[in-house]
Amino acid sequence: MIVVIDTNVALAMFKPSHPNWRIFQSWAANRFRWAASTEILIEYEEVMARMNSTAYVALAFETIRAVESVRKNFLRISPSFHFRLIAADPDDDKFADCAIAAEADWIITSDHHFEALLNSGYKPQPITPEEFIRRHLGEA
């Protein structure tokens, strides 16, 4: 299974006290592959830096690199087409474009703008972190 993770979910994934920590743990245990483009990684970094210390940002990215070096389950995607599917928030298009290019199953997000993907004909579908955990990772 391949997923793209929206920034609102990724921000909390590196905090052991947050429910989204289960998503990170499952990725680190190689239960799914995480796809991201350069645009997505830049957004992660910018938003994390605004909301946390630079040490937190460095630790999060070093953790991603460390897991990826062992598990090889972080997919770096370079979408070659912009689908422009998220009319309500075009800044979210980078996640949809990456998910389509990666042939992802899910975009894990709490953002309702991704509902535009429902019945769009594209494989990636939005799923909340809570629903992803319940359906794919099992109850804690």
C-alpha atoms as a PDB file:
ATOM      1  CA  MET A   1       0.000   0.000   0.000  1.00  0.00           C
ATOM      2  CA  ILE A   2       1.218   3.482  -0.882  1.00  0.00           C
ATOM      3  CA  VAL A   3       0.100   6.634   0.930  1.00  0.00           C
ATOM      4  CA  VAL A   4       0.691  10.355   0.639  1.00  0.00           C
ATOM      5  CA  ILE A   5       0.535  12.166   3.968  1.00  0.00           C
ATOM      6  CA  ASP A   6      -0.871  15.681   4.179  1.00  0.00           C
ATOM      7  CA  THR A   7       1.039  18.203   6.250  1.00  0.00           C
ATOM      8  CA  ASN A   8      -1.681  18.382   8.901  1.00  0.00           C
ATOM      9  CA  VAL A   9      -1.061  14.696   9.655  1.00  0.00           C
ATOM     10  CA  ALA A  10       2.722  14.671   9.213  1.00  0.00           C
ATOM     11  CA  LEU A  11       3.173  17.472  11.756  1.00  0.00           C
ATOM     12  CA  ALA A  12       1.936  15.272  14.565  1.00  0.00           C
ATOM     13  CA  MET A  13       3.398  11.946  13.415  1.00  0.00           C
ATOM     14  CA  PHE A  14       6.722  12.546  15.132  1.00  0.00           C
ATOM     15  CA  LYS A  15       5.177  13.183  18.562  1.00  0.00           C
ATOM     16  CA  PRO A  16       4.869   9.957  20.597  1.00  0.00           C
ATOM     17  CA  SER A  17       2.002  11.434  22.632  1.00  0.00           C
ATOM     18  CA  HIS A  18      -0.147  12.082  19.531  1.00  0.00           C
ATOM     19  CA  PRO A  19      -2.478   9.448  17.992  1.00  0.00           C
ATOM     20  CA  ASN A  20      -0.792  10.000  14.584  1.00  0.00           C
ATOM     21  CA  TRP A  21       2.383   8.517  16.090  1.00  0.00           C
ATOM     22  CA  ARG A  22       0.846   5.115  15.198  1.00  0.00           C
ATOM     23  CA  ILE A  23       1.041   6.058  11.527  1.00  0.00           C
ATOM     24  CA  PHE A  24       4.741   6.833  11.856  1.00  0.00           C
ATOM     25  CA  GLN A  25       5.383   3.620  13.821  1.00  0.00           C
ATOM     26  CA  SER A  26       3.588   1.543  11.193  1.00  0.00           C
ATOM     27  CA  TRP A  27       5.535   3.177   8.381  1.00  0.00           C
ATOM     28  CA  ALA A  28       8.790   2.552  10.272  1.00  0.00           C
ATOM     29  CA  ALA A  29       7.694  -1.090  10.668  1.00  0.00           C
ATOM     30  CA  ASN A  30       7.348  -1.261   6.864  1.00  0.00           C
ATOM     31  CA  ARG A  31       3.557  -1.721   6.811  1.00  0.00           C
ATOM     32  CA  PHE A  32       3.145   0.752   3.927  1.00  0.00           C
ATOM     33  CA  ARG A  33       5.158   2.989   1.612  1.00  0.00           C
ATOM     34  CA  TRP A  34       5.084   6.774   2.033  1.00  0.00           C
ATOM     35  CA  ALA A  35       5.283   8.876  -1.148  1.00  0.00           C
ATOM     36  CA  ALA A  36       6.256  12.546  -1.231  1.00  0.00           C
ATOM     37  CA  SER A  37       7.433  15.048  -3.812  1.00  0.00           C
ATOM     38  CA  THR A  38       9.999  17.794  -3.314  1.00  0.00           C
ATOM     39  CA  GLU A  39       7.132  20.304  -3.080  1.00  0.00           C
ATOM     40  CA  ILE A  40       5.568  18.299  -0.258  1.00  0.00           C
ATOM     41  CA  LEU A  41       8.857  17.969   1.625  1.00  0.00           C
ATOM     42  CA  ILE A  42       9.388  21.725   1.355  1.00  0.00           C
ATOM     43  CA  GLU A  43       5.914  22.353   2.764  1.00  0.00           C
ATOM     44  CA  TYR A  44       6.550  19.919   5.627  1.00  0.00           C
ATOM     45  CA  GLU A  45       9.766  21.749   6.441  1.00  0.00           C
ATOM     46  CA  GLU A  46       8.235  25.239   6.217  1.00  0.00           C
ATOM     47  CA  VAL A  47       5.212  24.420   8.356  1.00  0.00           C
ATOM     48  CA  MET A  48       7.204  22.411  10.909  1.00  0.00           C
ATOM     49  CA  ALA A  49       9.696  25.271  11.222  1.00  0.00           C
ATOM     50  CA  ARG A  50       6.866  27.755  11.838  1.00  0.00           C
ATOM     51  CA  MET A  51       5.255  25.594  14.497  1.00  0.00           C
ATOM     52  CA  ASN A  52       8.255  23.922  16.157  1.00  0.00           C
ATOM     53  CA  SER A  53      11.918  24.421  16.854  1.00  0.00           C
ATOM     54  CA  THR A  54      14.547  23.966  14.177  1.00  0.00           C
ATOM     55  CA  ALA A  55      15.800  21.009  16.225  1.00  0.00           C
ATOM     56  CA  TYR A  56      12.380  19.337  15.842  1.00  0.00           C
ATOM     57  CA  VAL A  57      12.482  19.852  12.071  1.00  0.00           C
ATOM     58  CA  ALA A  58      16.010  18.432  11.855  1.00  0.00           C
ATOM     59  CA  LEU A  59      15.054  15.438  13.994  1.00  0.00           C
ATOM     60  CA  ALA A  60      11.930  14.719  11.921  1.00  0.00           C
ATOM     61  CA  PHE A  61      13.840  14.770   8.627  1.00  0.00           C
ATOM     62  CA  GLU A  62      16.752  12.778  10.032  1.00  0.00           C
ATOM     63  CA  THR A  63      14.259  10.193  11.278  1.00  0.00           C
ATOM     64  CA  ILE A  64      12.689   9.935   7.815  1.00  0.00           C
ATOM     65  CA  ARG A  65      16.133   9.461   6.252  1.00  0.00           C
ATOM     66  CA  ALA A  66      17.145   6.851   8.828  1.00  0.00           C
ATOM     67  CA  VAL A  67      14.008   4.747   8.362  1.00  0.00           C
ATOM     68  CA  GLU A  68      14.195   5.099   4.587  1.00  0.00           C
ATOM     69  CA  SER A  69      17.813   3.955   4.521  1.00  0.00           C
ATOM     70  CA  VAL A  70      16.845   0.710   6.255  1.00  0.00           C
ATOM     71  CA  ARG A  71      13.339   0.055   4.939  1.00  0.00           C
ATOM     72  CA  LYS A  72      13.491   1.621   1.465  1.00  0.00           C
ATOM     73  CA  ASN A  73       9.813   2.550   1.890  1.00  0.00           C
ATOM     74  CA  PHE A  74       9.938   6.290   1.244  1.00  0.00           C
ATOM     75  CA  LEU A  75       9.132   7.047  -2.384  1.00  0.00           C
ATOM     76  CA  ARG A  76      10.419  10.294  -3.841  1.00  0.00           C
ATOM     77  CA  ILE A  77       7.962  11.245  -6.575  1.00  0.00           C
ATOM     78  CA  SER A  78       8.378  13.866  -9.308  1.00  0.00           C
ATOM     79  CA  PRO A  79       4.945  14.446 -10.824  1.00  0.00           C
ATOM     80  CA  SER A  80       5.187  15.485 -14.451  1.00  0.00           C
ATOM     81  CA  PHE A  81       1.612  16.720 -14.724  1.00  0.00           C
ATOM     82  CA  HIS A  82      -0.551  19.071 -12.652  1.00  0.00           C
ATOM     83  CA  PHE A  83      -4.099  17.755 -12.466  1.00  0.00           C
ATOM     84  CA  ARG A  84      -5.578  20.803 -10.699  1.00  0.00           C
ATOM     85  CA  LEU A  85      -8.191  18.758  -8.835  1.00  0.00           C
ATOM     86  CA  ILE A  86      -8.428  20.673  -5.562  1.00  0.00           C
ATOM     87  CA  ALA A  87     -10.242  23.825  -6.686  1.00  0.00           C
ATOM     88  CA  ALA A  88     -11.103  24.868  -3.100  1.00  0.00           C
ATOM     89  CA  ASP A  89      -7.382  25.065  -2.180  1.00  0.00           C
ATOM     90  CA  PRO A  90      -4.980  24.836  -5.139  1.00  0.00           C
ATOM     91  CA  ASP A  91      -2.029  24.612  -2.725  1.00  0.00           C
ATOM     92  CA  ASP A  92      -3.272  21.090  -1.933  1.00  0.00           C
ATOM     93  CA  ASP A  93      -2.885  20.025  -5.570  1.00  0.00           C
ATOM     94  CA  LYS A  94       0.729  19.021  -4.886  1.00  0.00           C
ATOM     95  CA  PHE A  95      -0.559  16.162  -2.693  1.00  0.00           C
ATOM     96  CA  ALA A  96      -3.106  14.977  -5.267  1.00  0.00           C
ATOM     97  CA  ASP A  97      -0.524  15.192  -8.082  1.00  0.00           C
ATOM     98  CA  CYS A  98       1.990  13.190  -6.051  1.00  0.00           C
ATOM     99  CA  ALA A  99      -0.609  10.584  -5.074  1.00  0.00           C
ATOM    100  CA  ILE A 100      -1.732  10.088  -8.666  1.00  0.00           C
ATOM    101  CA  ALA A 101       1.859   9.882  -9.972  1.00  0.00           C
ATOM    102  CA  ALA A 102       2.775   7.399  -7.213  1.00  0.00           C
ATOM    103  CA  GLU A 103      -0.366   5.346  -7.857  1.00  0.00           C
ATOM    104  CA  ALA A 104      -1.066   5.752  -4.151  1.00  0.00           C
ATOM    105  CA  ASP A 105      -4.018   4.170  -2.476  1.00  0.00           C
ATOM    106  CA  TRP A 106      -4.658   6.938   0.040  1.00  0.00           C
ATOM    107  CA  ILE A 107      -4.001  10.550   0.940  1.00  0.00           C
ATOM    108  CA  ILE A 108      -4.060  10.644   4.723  1.00  0.00           C
ATOM    109  CA  THR A 109      -5.554  14.008   5.641  1.00  0.00           C
ATOM    110  CA  SER A 110      -7.928  15.848   7.926  1.00  0.00           C
ATOM    111  CA  ASP A 111      -8.560  18.444   5.214  1.00  0.00           C
ATOM    112  CA  HIS A 112     -12.045  18.315   3.652  1.00  0.00           C
ATOM    113  CA  HIS A 113     -10.736  19.898   0.417  1.00  0.00           C
ATOM    114  CA  PHE A 114      -9.523  16.451  -0.637  1.00  0.00           C
ATOM    115  CA  GLU A 115     -13.117  15.280  -0.937  1.00  0.00           C
ATOM    116  CA  ALA A 116     -12.748  16.512  -4.532  1.00  0.00           C
ATOM    117  CA  LEU A 117     -10.966  13.194  -5.188  1.00  0.00           C
ATOM    118  CA  LEU A 118     -14.049  11.184  -4.249  1.00  0.00           C
ATOM    119  CA  ASN A 119     -15.636   9.834  -7.432  1.00  0.00           C
ATOM    120  CA  SER A 120     -12.994  11.663  -9.503  1.00  0.00           C
ATOM    121  CA  GLY A 121     -11.912   8.532 -11.343  1.00  0.00           C
ATOM    122  CA  TYR A 122      -8.424   8.625  -9.807  1.00  0.00           C
ATOM    123  CA  LYS A 123      -7.191   5.796  -7.582  1.00  0.00           C
ATOM    124  CA  PRO A 124      -5.937   7.787  -4.551  1.00  0.00           C
ATOM    125  CA  GLN A 125      -8.723   8.553  -2.109  1.00  0.00           C
ATOM    126  CA  PRO A 126      -8.713  10.780   0.971  1.00  0.00           C
ATOM    127  CA  ILE A 127      -8.849   9.111   4.367  1.00  0.00           C
ATOM    128  CA  THR A 128      -8.654  10.666   7.811  1.00  0.00           C
ATOM    129  CA  PRO A 129      -5.806   9.565  10.070  1.00  0.00           C
ATOM    130  CA  GLU A 130      -8.329   8.064  12.472  1.00  0.00           C
ATOM    131  CA  GLU A 131      -9.986   6.024   9.727  1.00  0.00           C
ATOM    132  CA  PHE A 132      -6.601   4.950   8.300  1.00  0.00           C
ATOM    133  CA  ILE A 133      -5.519   3.722  11.727  1.00  0.00           C
ATOM    134  CA  ARG A 134      -8.808   1.909  12.292  1.00  0.00           C
ATOM    135  CA  ARG A 135      -8.996   0.278   8.860  1.00  0.00           C
ATOM    136  CA  HIS A 136      -5.357  -0.479   8.135  1.00  0.00           C
ATOM    137  CA  LEU A 137      -3.440  -0.513  11.382  1.00  0.00           C
ATOM    138  CA  GLY A 138      -6.009  -1.989  13.747  1.00  0.00           C
ATOM    139  CA  GLU A 139      -7.054  -0.661  17.097  1.00  0.00           C
ATOM    140  CA  ALA A 140      -4.325   0.072  19.613  1.00  0.00           C
END
